[in-house]
Structure formats: structure tokens, C-alpha cells
Amino acid sequence: SFDTALDYQAQTHVVFDMGPYRTDHSHLDALNVVLYSAGRTLLTDSG
């Protein structure tokens, strides 16, 4: 949700990577998932 009547920072936010490898800064991470929910990152990329 983006509804500000709800707790904005507690909303669930998922990033799903289905894209191309494009430069040397790209990682070998096809179908990677990053999950933020309940106010914090729960599944993280390693950086």
C-alpha cells in the first residue's frame, strides 16, 4: 500500500530482479528477491 492512513513505514515492499546483465557493475543475480516488511529489511542483497 501507499495509503498514508496506514502505517507507511510498516508496508511490505518486494523487489524482484528479472533483468539483463548490463555492465561490470551488474551482479550475477537473476531472479533475486529483496524483501522489506514490518518496518525493516528481512531478505537482503549482500551489497
All heavy atoms as atom14 arrays in JSON, in Angstrom:
{
  "sequence": "SFDTALDYQAQTHVVFDMGPYRTDHSHLDALNVVLYSAGRTLLTDSG",
  "atom14_mask": [
    [1, 1, 1, 1, 1, 1, 0, 0, 0, 0, 0, 0, 0, 0],
    [1, 1, 1, 1, 1, 1, 1, 1, 1, 1, 1, 0, 0, 0],
    [1, 1, 1, 1, 1, 1, 1, 1, 0, 0, 0, 0, 0, 0],
    [1, 1, 1, 1, 1, 1, 1, 0, 0, 0, 0, 0, 0, 0],
    [1, 1, 1, 1, 1, 0, 0, 0, 0, 0, 0, 0, 0, 0],
    [1, 1, 1, 1, 1, 1, 1, 1, 0, 0, 0, 0, 0, 0],
    [1, 1, 1, 1, 1, 1, 1, 1, 0, 0, 0, 0, 0, 0],
    [1, 1, 1, 1, 1, 1, 1, 1, 1, 1, 1, 1, 0, 0],
    [1, 1, 1, 1, 1, 1, 1, 1, 1, 0, 0, 0, 0, 0],
    [1, 1, 1, 1, 1, 0, 0, 0, 0, 0, 0, 0, 0, 0],
    [1, 1, 1, 1, 1, 1, 1, 1, 1, 0, 0, 0, 0, 0],
    [1, 1, 1, 1, 1, 1, 1, 0, 0, 0, 0, 0, 0, 0],
    [1, 1, 1, 1, 1, 1, 1, 1, 1, 1, 0, 0, 0, 0],
    [1, 1, 1, 1, 1, 1, 1, 0, 0, 0, 0, 0, 0, 0],
    [1, 1, 1, 1, 1, 1, 1, 0, 0, 0, 0, 0, 0, 0],
    [1, 1, 1, 1, 1, 1, 1, 1, 1, 1, 1, 0, 0, 0],
    [1, 1, 1, 1, 1, 1, 1, 1, 0, 0, 0, 0, 0, 0],
    [1, 1, 1, 1, 1, 1, 1, 1, 0, 0, 0, 0, 0, 0],
    [1, 1, 1, 1, 0, 0, 0, 0, 0, 0, 0, 0, 0, 0],
    [1, 1, 1, 1, 1, 1, 1, 0, 0, 0, 0, 0, 0, 0],
    [1, 1, 1, 1, 1, 1, 1, 1, 1, 1, 1, 1, 0, 0],
    [1, 1, 1, 1, 1, 1, 1, 1, 1, 1, 1, 0, 0, 0],
    [1, 1, 1, 1, 1, 1, 1, 0, 0, 0, 0, 0, 0, 0],
    [1, 1, 1, 1, 1, 1, 1, 1, 0, 0, 0, 0, 0, 0],
    [1, 1, 1, 1, 1, 1, 1, 1, 1, 1, 0, 0, 0, 0],
    [1, 1, 1, 1, 1, 1, 0, 0, 0, 0, 0, 0, 0, 0],
    [1, 1, 1, 1, 1, 1, 1, 1, 1, 1, 0, 0, 0, 0],
    [1, 1, 1, 1, 1, 1, 1, 1, 0, 0, 0, 0, 0, 0],
    [1, 1, 1, 1, 1, 1, 1, 1, 0, 0, 0, 0, 0, 0],
    [1, 1, 1, 1, 1, 0, 0, 0, 0, 0, 0, 0, 0, 0],
    [1, 1, 1, 1, 1, 1, 1, 1, 0, 0, 0, 0, 0, 0],
    [1, 1, 1, 1, 1, 1, 1, 1, 0, 0, 0, 0, 0, 0],
    [1, 1, 1, 1, 1, 1, 1, 0, 0, 0, 0, 0, 0, 0],
    [1, 1, 1, 1, 1, 1, 1, 0, 0, 0, 0, 0, 0, 0],
    [1, 1, 1, 1, 1, 1, 1, 1, 0, 0, 0, 0, 0, 0],
    [1, 1, 1, 1, 1, 1, 1, 1, 1, 1, 1, 1, 0, 0],
    [1, 1, 1, 1, 1, 1, 0, 0, 0, 0, 0, 0, 0, 0],
    [1, 1, 1, 1, 1, 0, 0, 0, 0, 0, 0, 0, 0, 0],
    [1, 1, 1, 1, 0, 0, 0, 0, 0, 0, 0, 0, 0, 0],
    [1, 1, 1, 1, 1, 1, 1, 1, 1, 1, 1, 0, 0, 0],
    [1, 1, 1, 1, 1, 1, 1, 0, 0, 0, 0, 0, 0, 0],
    [1, 1, 1, 1, 1, 1, 1, 1, 0, 0, 0, 0, 0, 0],
    [1, 1, 1, 1, 1, 1, 1, 1, 0, 0, 0, 0, 0, 0],
    [1, 1, 1, 1, 1, 1, 1, 0, 0, 0, 0, 0, 0, 0],
    [1, 1, 1, 1, 1, 1, 1, 1, 0, 0, 0, 0, 0, 0],
    [1, 1, 1, 1, 1, 1, 0, 0, 0, 0, 0, 0, 0, 0],
    [1, 1, 1, 1, 0, 0, 0, 0, 0, 0, 0, 0, 0, 0]
  ],
  "atom14_positions": [
    [[0.84, -1.19, 0.0], [0.0, 0.0, 0.0], [0.87, 1.24, 0.0], [2.01, 1.22, 0.48], [-0.92, 0.02, 1.23], [-1.7, 1.2, 1.26], [0.0, 0.0, 0.0], [0.0, 0.0, 0.0], [0.0, 0.0, 0.0], [0.0, 0.0, 0.0], [0.0, 0.0, 0.0], [0.0, 0.0, 0.0], [0.0, 0.0, 0.0], [0.0, 0.0, 0.0]],
    [[0.31, 2.33, -0.52], [0.89, 3.66, -0.38], [0.0, 4.55, 0.49], [0.22, 5.75, 0.59], [1.06, 4.34, -1.75], [2.07, 3.67, -2.64], [1.67, 2.77, -3.62], [3.42, 3.93, -2.5], [2.59, 2.16, -4.45], [4.36, 3.32, -3.32], [3.94, 2.43, -4.3], [0.0, 0.0, 0.0], [0.0, 0.0, 0.0], [0.0, 0.0, 0.0]],
    [[-1.01, 3.97, 1.09], [-2.02, 4.72, 1.84], [-1.4, 5.28, 3.12], [-0.94, 4.53, 3.98], [-3.2, 3.81, 2.18], [-4.39, 4.57, 2.75], [-4.22, 5.75, 3.12], [-5.47, 3.97, 2.83], [0.0, 0.0, 0.0], [0.0, 0.0, 0.0], [0.0, 0.0, 0.0], [0.0, 0.0, 0.0], [0.0, 0.0, 0.0], [0.0, 0.0, 0.0]],
    [[-1.4, 6.6, 3.25], [-0.8, 7.22, 4.44], [-1.7, 7.11, 5.66], [-1.27, 7.44, 6.76], [-0.48, 8.7, 4.16], [-1.68, 9.36, 3.72], [0.59, 8.82, 3.09], [0.0, 0.0, 0.0], [0.0, 0.0, 0.0], [0.0, 0.0, 0.0], [0.0, 0.0, 0.0], [0.0, 0.0, 0.0], [0.0, 0.0, 0.0], [0.0, 0.0, 0.0]],
    [[-2.92, 6.67, 5.47], [-3.77, 6.42, 6.64], [-3.31, 5.18, 7.39], [-3.65, 4.98, 8.56], [-5.23, 6.27, 6.2], [0.0, 0.0, 0.0], [0.0, 0.0, 0.0], [0.0, 0.0, 0.0], [0.0, 0.0, 0.0], [0.0, 0.0, 0.0], [0.0, 0.0, 0.0], [0.0, 0.0, 0.0], [0.0, 0.0, 0.0], [0.0, 0.0, 0.0]],
    [[-2.54, 4.33, 6.7], [-1.94, 3.16, 7.32], [-0.53, 3.5, 7.78], [-0.03, 4.59, 7.54], [-1.92, 2.0, 6.32], [-3.28, 1.66, 5.69], [-3.1, 0.61, 4.6], [-4.26, 1.17, 6.74], [0.0, 0.0, 0.0], [0.0, 0.0, 0.0], [0.0, 0.0, 0.0], [0.0, 0.0, 0.0], [0.0, 0.0, 0.0], [0.0, 0.0, 0.0]],
    [[0.12, 2.57, 8.44], [1.49, 2.79, 8.89], [2.41, 2.72, 7.66], [2.7, 1.65, 7.15], [1.88, 1.73, 9.92], [3.23, 2.01, 10.55], [4.0, 2.82, 10.0], [3.52, 1.42, 11.61], [0.0, 0.0, 0.0], [0.0, 0.0, 0.0], [0.0, 0.0, 0.0], [0.0, 0.0, 0.0], [0.0, 0.0, 0.0], [0.0, 0.0, 0.0]],
    [[2.87, 3.89, 7.2], [3.62, 3.98, 5.95], [4.88, 3.12, 6.0], [5.19, 2.37, 5.07], [3.98, 5.44, 5.68], [4.6, 5.7, 4.33], [3.83, 6.11, 3.26], [5.97, 5.55, 4.13], [4.39, 6.36, 2.01], [6.55, 5.8, 2.89], [5.74, 6.2, 1.84], [6.32, 6.43, 0.61], [0.0, 0.0, 0.0], [0.0, 0.0, 0.0]],
    [[5.62, 3.2, 7.09], [6.91, 2.52, 7.16], [6.78, 1.02, 7.39], [7.76, 0.29, 7.25], [7.78, 3.13, 8.26], [8.17, 4.57, 7.97], [9.34, 5.02, 8.82], [10.45, 4.53, 8.69], [9.08, 5.96, 9.72], [0.0, 0.0, 0.0], [0.0, 0.0, 0.0], [0.0, 0.0, 0.0], [0.0, 0.0, 0.0], [0.0, 0.0, 0.0]],
    [[5.58, 0.55, 7.74], [5.39, -0.88, 8.0], [4.89, -1.64, 6.78], [4.71, -2.86, 6.85], [4.41, -1.07, 9.16], [0.0, 0.0, 0.0], [0.0, 0.0, 0.0], [0.0, 0.0, 0.0], [0.0, 0.0, 0.0], [0.0, 0.0, 0.0], [0.0, 0.0, 0.0], [0.0, 0.0, 0.0], [0.0, 0.0, 0.0], [0.0, 0.0, 0.0]],
    [[4.68, -0.96, 5.65], [4.17, -1.64, 4.47], [5.2, -2.61, 3.89], [6.4, -2.47, 4.1], [3.75, -0.61, 3.42], [2.59, 0.26, 3.84], [1.37, -0.55, 4.24], [0.95, -1.45, 3.5], [0.8, -0.25, 5.41], [0.0, 0.0, 0.0], [0.0, 0.0, 0.0], [0.0, 0.0, 0.0], [0.0, 0.0, 0.0], [0.0, 0.0, 0.0]],
    [[4.7, -3.59, 3.15], [5.57, -4.59, 2.53], [6.01, -4.09, 1.15], [5.21, -3.58, 0.37], [4.83, -5.93, 2.39], [4.41, -6.36, 3.69], [5.73, -6.99, 1.77], [0.0, 0.0, 0.0], [0.0, 0.0, 0.0], [0.0, 0.0, 0.0], [0.0, 0.0, 0.0], [0.0, 0.0, 0.0], [0.0, 0.0, 0.0], [0.0, 0.0, 0.0]],
    [[7.29, -4.27, 0.88], [7.92, -3.78, -0.35], [8.85, -4.89, -0.84], [9.77, -5.3, -0.14], [8.72, -2.51, -0.01], [9.45, -1.88, -1.16], [10.69, -2.32, -1.58], [9.15, -0.81, -1.95], [11.12, -1.55, -2.57], [10.2, -0.63, -2.81], [0.0, 0.0, 0.0], [0.0, 0.0, 0.0], [0.0, 0.0, 0.0], [0.0, 0.0, 0.0]],
    [[8.58, -5.41, -2.03], [9.36, -6.51, -2.59], [9.96, -6.08, -3.92], [9.26, -5.51, -4.76], [8.49, -7.77, -2.82], [9.35, -8.94, -3.31], [7.74, -8.15, -1.56], [0.0, 0.0, 0.0], [0.0, 0.0, 0.0], [0.0, 0.0, 0.0], [0.0, 0.0, 0.0], [0.0, 0.0, 0.0], [0.0, 0.0, 0.0], [0.0, 0.0, 0.0]],
    [[11.25, -6.32, -4.09], [11.92, -6.08, -5.37], [12.29, -7.43, -5.96], [12.91, -8.26, -5.29], [13.17, -5.21, -5.21], [13.83, -4.98, -6.56], [12.82, -3.87, -4.57], [0.0, 0.0, 0.0], [0.0, 0.0, 0.0], [0.0, 0.0, 0.0], [0.0, 0.0, 0.0], [0.0, 0.0, 0.0], [0.0, 0.0, 0.0], [0.0, 0.0, 0.0]],
    [[11.92, -7.64, -7.21], [12.17, -8.9, -7.91], [12.93, -8.57, -9.19], [12.46, -7.79, -10.02], [10.83, -9.58, -8.22], [10.92, -10.92, -8.9], [12.02, -11.77, -8.74], [9.88, -11.37, -9.71], [12.09, -13.0, -9.35], [9.93, -12.6, -10.35], [11.03, -13.42, -10.17], [0.0, 0.0, 0.0], [0.0, 0.0, 0.0], [0.0, 0.0, 0.0]],
    [[14.11, -9.17, -9.35], [15.02, -8.86, -10.46], [14.91, -9.93, -11.54], [15.35, -11.06, -11.35], [16.45, -8.76, -9.93], [17.45, -8.39, -11.02], [17.03, -8.2, -12.18], [18.65, -8.28, -10.7], [0.0, 0.0, 0.0], [0.0, 0.0, 0.0], [0.0, 0.0, 0.0], [0.0, 0.0, 0.0], [0.0, 0.0, 0.0], [0.0, 0.0, 0.0]],
    [[14.36, -9.55, -12.68], [14.23, -10.47, -13.82], [14.93, -9.89, -15.04], [14.54, -10.13, -16.18], [12.75, -10.67, -14.16], [11.88, -11.05, -12.98], [10.14, -10.69, -13.33], [10.17, -8.89, -13.29], [0.0, 0.0, 0.0], [0.0, 0.0, 0.0], [0.0, 0.0, 0.0], [0.0, 0.0, 0.0], [0.0, 0.0, 0.0], [0.0, 0.0, 0.0]],
    [[15.97, -9.1, -14.82], [16.52, -8.3, -15.89], [17.83, -8.79, -16.46], [18.35, -9.84, -16.09], [0.0, 0.0, 0.0], [0.0, 0.0, 0.0], [0.0, 0.0, 0.0], [0.0, 0.0, 0.0], [0.0, 0.0, 0.0], [0.0, 0.0, 0.0], [0.0, 0.0, 0.0], [0.0, 0.0, 0.0], [0.0, 0.0, 0.0], [0.0, 0.0, 0.0]],
    [[18.41, -7.98, -17.35], [19.65, -8.34, -18.03], [20.89, -8.0, -17.21], [20.86, -7.11, -16.36], [19.6, -7.49, -19.31], [18.83, -6.26, -18.89], [17.8, -6.75, -17.9], [0.0, 0.0, 0.0], [0.0, 0.0, 0.0], [0.0, 0.0, 0.0], [0.0, 0.0, 0.0], [0.0, 0.0, 0.0], [0.0, 0.0, 0.0], [0.0, 0.0, 0.0]],
    [[21.94, -8.71, -17.49], [23.28, -8.34, -17.03], [23.8, -7.3, -18.02], [23.93, -7.58, -19.21], [24.17, -9.58, -17.02], [25.58, -9.35, -16.51], [25.92, -9.66, -15.21], [26.57, -8.83, -17.34], [27.22, -9.47, -14.74], [27.86, -8.63, -16.89], [28.17, -8.96, -15.58], [29.46, -8.76, -15.11], [0.0, 0.0, 0.0], [0.0, 0.0, 0.0]],
    [[24.11, -6.05, -17.52], [24.34, -4.97, -18.48], [25.74, -4.36, -18.43], [26.23, -3.87, -19.45], [23.28, -3.88, -18.27], [21.87, -4.4, -18.52], [20.85, -3.3, -18.68], [20.49, -2.64, -17.43], [19.48, -1.78, -17.3], [18.74, -1.48, -18.36], [19.2, -1.22, -16.13], [0.0, 0.0, 0.0], [0.0, 0.0, 0.0], [0.0, 0.0, 0.0]],
    [[26.4, -4.3, -17.27], [27.75, -3.74, -17.19], [28.54, -4.51, -16.15], [28.02, -5.39, -15.46], [27.73, -2.24, -16.77], [27.46, -2.15, -15.36], [26.68, -1.45, -17.54], [0.0, 0.0, 0.0], [0.0, 0.0, 0.0], [0.0, 0.0, 0.0], [0.0, 0.0, 0.0], [0.0, 0.0, 0.0], [0.0, 0.0, 0.0], [0.0, 0.0, 0.0]],
    [[29.82, -4.13, -15.98], [30.66, -4.78, -14.98], [30.18, -4.51, -13.56], [30.6, -5.19, -12.62], [32.11, -4.3, -15.12], [32.77, -4.85, -16.37], [32.24, -5.83, -16.93], [33.81, -4.31, -16.79], [0.0, 0.0, 0.0], [0.0, 0.0, 0.0], [0.0, 0.0, 0.0], [0.0, 0.0, 0.0], [0.0, 0.0, 0.0], [0.0, 0.0, 0.0]],
    [[29.34, -3.49, -13.38], [28.76, -3.25, -12.06], [27.56, -4.15, -11.78], [27.07, -4.19, -10.66], [28.33, -1.78, -11.94], [29.44, -0.87, -11.52], [29.44, 0.48, -11.76], [30.6, -1.12, -10.87], [30.54, 1.02, -11.27], [31.25, 0.07, -10.73], [0.0, 0.0, 0.0], [0.0, 0.0, 0.0], [0.0, 0.0, 0.0], [0.0, 0.0, 0.0]],
    [[27.07, -4.87, -12.81], [25.98, -5.81, -12.6], [26.47, -7.0, -11.78], [27.65, -7.37, -11.86], [25.43, -6.3, -13.93], [24.89, -5.24, -14.7], [0.0, 0.0, 0.0], [0.0, 0.0, 0.0], [0.0, 0.0, 0.0], [0.0, 0.0, 0.0], [0.0, 0.0, 0.0], [0.0, 0.0, 0.0], [0.0, 0.0, 0.0], [0.0, 0.0, 0.0]],
    [[25.56, -7.58, -11.02], [25.87, -8.81, -10.29], [25.2, -9.99, -10.98], [24.28, -9.83, -11.79], [25.4, -8.68, -8.84], [26.26, -7.78, -8.02], [26.12, -7.63, -6.65], [27.3, -6.97, -8.36], [27.02, -6.78, -6.19], [27.74, -6.36, -7.22], [0.0, 0.0, 0.0], [0.0, 0.0, 0.0], [0.0, 0.0, 0.0], [0.0, 0.0, 0.0]],
    [[25.65, -11.18, -10.62], [25.12, -12.42, -11.2], [23.92, -12.86, -10.37], [23.96, -13.87, -9.67], [26.22, -13.48, -11.24], [27.46, -13.06, -12.04], [28.61, -14.04, -11.81], [27.14, -12.95, -13.53], [0.0, 0.0, 0.0], [0.0, 0.0, 0.0], [0.0, 0.0, 0.0], [0.0, 0.0, 0.0], [0.0, 0.0, 0.0], [0.0, 0.0, 0.0]],
    [[22.83, -12.1, -10.47], [21.74, -12.19, -9.5], [20.37, -12.37, -10.13], [19.37, -11.9, -9.58], [21.74, -10.93, -8.63], [21.55, -9.64, -9.44], [21.53, -9.71, -10.68], [21.4, -8.57, -8.83], [0.0, 0.0, 0.0], [0.0, 0.0, 0.0], [0.0, 0.0, 0.0], [0.0, 0.0, 0.0], [0.0, 0.0, 0.0], [0.0, 0.0, 0.0]],
    [[20.29, -13.04, -11.26], [18.99, -13.21, -11.92], [18.0, -13.9, -11.0], [18.31, -14.89, -10.34], [19.16, -14.02, -13.2], [0.0, 0.0, 0.0], [0.0, 0.0, 0.0], [0.0, 0.0, 0.0], [0.0, 0.0, 0.0], [0.0, 0.0, 0.0], [0.0, 0.0, 0.0], [0.0, 0.0, 0.0], [0.0, 0.0, 0.0], [0.0, 0.0, 0.0]],
    [[16.78, -13.35, -10.93], [15.66, -13.8, -10.11], [15.91, -13.57, -8.62], [15.31, -14.23, -7.77], [15.3, -15.26, -10.4], [15.01, -15.59, -11.88], [14.46, -17.0, -12.0], [14.05, -14.6, -12.5], [0.0, 0.0, 0.0], [0.0, 0.0, 0.0], [0.0, 0.0, 0.0], [0.0, 0.0, 0.0], [0.0, 0.0, 0.0], [0.0, 0.0, 0.0]],
    [[16.73, -12.61, -8.32], [16.98, -12.19, -6.93], [15.74, -11.51, -6.36], [15.0, -10.81, -7.07], [18.17, -11.23, -6.93], [18.57, -10.77, -5.55], [18.5, -11.52, -4.59], [18.99, -9.51, -5.45], [0.0, 0.0, 0.0], [0.0, 0.0, 0.0], [0.0, 0.0, 0.0], [0.0, 0.0, 0.0], [0.0, 0.0, 0.0], [0.0, 0.0, 0.0]],
    [[15.51, -11.69, -5.07], [14.38, -11.08, -4.36], [14.91, -10.34, -3.14], [15.74, -10.87, -2.4], [13.35, -12.14, -3.92], [12.27, -11.52, -3.04], [12.71, -12.81, -5.13], [0.0, 0.0, 0.0], [0.0, 0.0, 0.0], [0.0, 0.0, 0.0], [0.0, 0.0, 0.0], [0.0, 0.0, 0.0], [0.0, 0.0, 0.0], [0.0, 0.0, 0.0]],
    [[14.43, -9.11, -2.93], [14.73, -8.36, -1.7], [13.39, -8.03, -1.05], [12.49, -7.5, -1.69], [15.52, -7.07, -2.0], [15.74, -6.27, -0.72], [16.85, -7.4, -2.66], [0.0, 0.0, 0.0], [0.0, 0.0, 0.0], [0.0, 0.0, 0.0], [0.0, 0.0, 0.0], [0.0, 0.0, 0.0], [0.0, 0.0, 0.0], [0.0, 0.0, 0.0]],
    [[13.27, -8.37, 0.22], [12.01, -8.2, 0.95], [12.17, -7.24, 2.12], [13.02, -7.44, 2.98], [11.53, -9.56, 1.47], [10.35, -9.53, 2.47], [9.1, -8.95, 1.82], [10.09, -10.94, 3.01], [0.0, 0.0, 0.0], [0.0, 0.0, 0.0], [0.0, 0.0, 0.0], [0.0, 0.0, 0.0], [0.0, 0.0, 0.0], [0.0, 0.0, 0.0]],
    [[11.35, -6.21, 2.12], [11.2, -5.29, 3.25], [9.76, -5.44, 3.75], [8.81, -5.4, 2.96], [11.46, -3.85, 2.8], [11.13, -2.81, 3.85], [12.14, -2.2, 4.59], [9.81, -2.42, 4.09], [11.83, -1.24, 5.56], [9.5, -1.47, 5.05], [10.51, -0.88, 5.78], [10.21, 0.07, 6.73], [0.0, 0.0, 0.0], [0.0, 0.0, 0.0]],
    [[9.6, -5.62, 5.06], [8.25, -5.71, 5.61], [8.32, -5.47, 7.11], [9.37, -5.66, 7.75], [7.65, -7.1, 5.33], [6.26, -7.11, 5.53], [0.0, 0.0, 0.0], [0.0, 0.0, 0.0], [0.0, 0.0, 0.0], [0.0, 0.0, 0.0], [0.0, 0.0, 0.0], [0.0, 0.0, 0.0], [0.0, 0.0, 0.0], [0.0, 0.0, 0.0]],
    [[7.21, -5.03, 7.67], [7.09, -4.82, 9.12], [8.17, -3.88, 9.65], [8.69, -4.05, 10.75], [7.14, -6.16, 9.86], [0.0, 0.0, 0.0], [0.0, 0.0, 0.0], [0.0, 0.0, 0.0], [0.0, 0.0, 0.0], [0.0, 0.0, 0.0], [0.0, 0.0, 0.0], [0.0, 0.0, 0.0], [0.0, 0.0, 0.0], [0.0, 0.0, 0.0]],
    [[8.57, -2.89, 8.81], [9.45, -1.84, 9.28], [10.93, -2.07, 9.09], [11.74, -1.24, 9.55], [0.0, 0.0, 0.0], [0.0, 0.0, 0.0], [0.0, 0.0, 0.0], [0.0, 0.0, 0.0], [0.0, 0.0, 0.0], [0.0, 0.0, 0.0], [0.0, 0.0, 0.0], [0.0, 0.0, 0.0], [0.0, 0.0, 0.0], [0.0, 0.0, 0.0]],
    [[11.34, -3.14, 8.37], [12.76, -3.36, 8.17], [13.01, -4.29, 6.99], [12.1, -4.98, 6.52], [13.42, -3.92, 9.42], [12.95, -5.31, 9.83], [13.92, -5.96, 10.81], [15.22, -6.15, 10.18], [16.38, -6.19, 10.85], [16.38, -6.03, 12.16], [17.51, -6.38, 10.22], [0.0, 0.0, 0.0], [0.0, 0.0, 0.0], [0.0, 0.0, 0.0]],
    [[14.26, -4.33, 6.54], [14.66, -5.28, 5.51], [14.77, -6.66, 6.14], [15.45, -6.84, 7.16], [16.01, -4.89, 4.89], [15.87, -3.6, 4.28], [16.43, -5.89, 3.83], [0.0, 0.0, 0.0], [0.0, 0.0, 0.0], [0.0, 0.0, 0.0], [0.0, 0.0, 0.0], [0.0, 0.0, 0.0], [0.0, 0.0, 0.0], [0.0, 0.0, 0.0]],
    [[14.12, -7.64, 5.52], [14.13, -9.01, 6.04], [14.97, -9.94, 5.18], [15.72, -10.76, 5.69], [12.7, -9.52, 6.17], [11.86, -8.75, 7.19], [10.4, -9.19, 7.13], [12.41, -8.92, 8.6], [0.0, 0.0, 0.0], [0.0, 0.0, 0.0], [0.0, 0.0, 0.0], [0.0, 0.0, 0.0], [0.0, 0.0, 0.0], [0.0, 0.0, 0.0]],
    [[14.84, -9.85, 3.87], [15.72, -10.56, 2.94], [16.52, -9.51, 2.2], [15.96, -8.65, 1.53], [14.91, -11.4, 1.94], [14.02, -12.49, 2.51], [13.17, -13.11, 1.41], [14.84, -13.56, 3.21], [0.0, 0.0, 0.0], [0.0, 0.0, 0.0], [0.0, 0.0, 0.0], [0.0, 0.0, 0.0], [0.0, 0.0, 0.0], [0.0, 0.0, 0.0]],
    [[17.83, -9.58, 2.31], [18.67, -8.51, 1.77], [19.59, -9.0, 0.68], [19.99, -10.18, 0.64], [19.52, -7.87, 2.89], [20.23, -6.75, 2.37], [20.51, -8.87, 3.48], [0.0, 0.0, 0.0], [0.0, 0.0, 0.0], [0.0, 0.0, 0.0], [0.0, 0.0, 0.0], [0.0, 0.0, 0.0], [0.0, 0.0, 0.0], [0.0, 0.0, 0.0]],
    [[19.93, -8.11, -0.22], [21.07, -8.33, -1.11], [22.33, -8.16, -0.28], [22.33, -7.47, 0.75], [21.03, -7.3, -2.24], [21.93, -7.68, -3.4], [23.16, -7.65, -3.22], [21.42, -7.97, -4.49], [0.0, 0.0, 0.0], [0.0, 0.0, 0.0], [0.0, 0.0, 0.0], [0.0, 0.0, 0.0], [0.0, 0.0, 0.0], [0.0, 0.0, 0.0]],
    [[23.42, -8.76, -0.7], [24.64, -8.72, 0.1], [25.43, -7.43, -0.03], [26.32, -7.16, 0.77], [25.55, -9.91, -0.26], [24.94, -11.11, 0.12], [0.0, 0.0, 0.0], [0.0, 0.0, 0.0], [0.0, 0.0, 0.0], [0.0, 0.0, 0.0], [0.0, 0.0, 0.0], [0.0, 0.0, 0.0], [0.0, 0.0, 0.0], [0.0, 0.0, 0.0]],
    [[25.15, -6.6, -1.04], [25.86, -5.34, -1.2], [27.05, -5.46, -2.13], [27.17, -6.4, -2.91], [0.0, 0.0, 0.0], [0.0, 0.0, 0.0], [0.0, 0.0, 0.0], [0.0, 0.0, 0.0], [0.0, 0.0, 0.0], [0.0, 0.0, 0.0], [0.0, 0.0, 0.0], [0.0, 0.0, 0.0], [0.0, 0.0, 0.0], [0.0, 0.0, 0.0]]
  ]
}
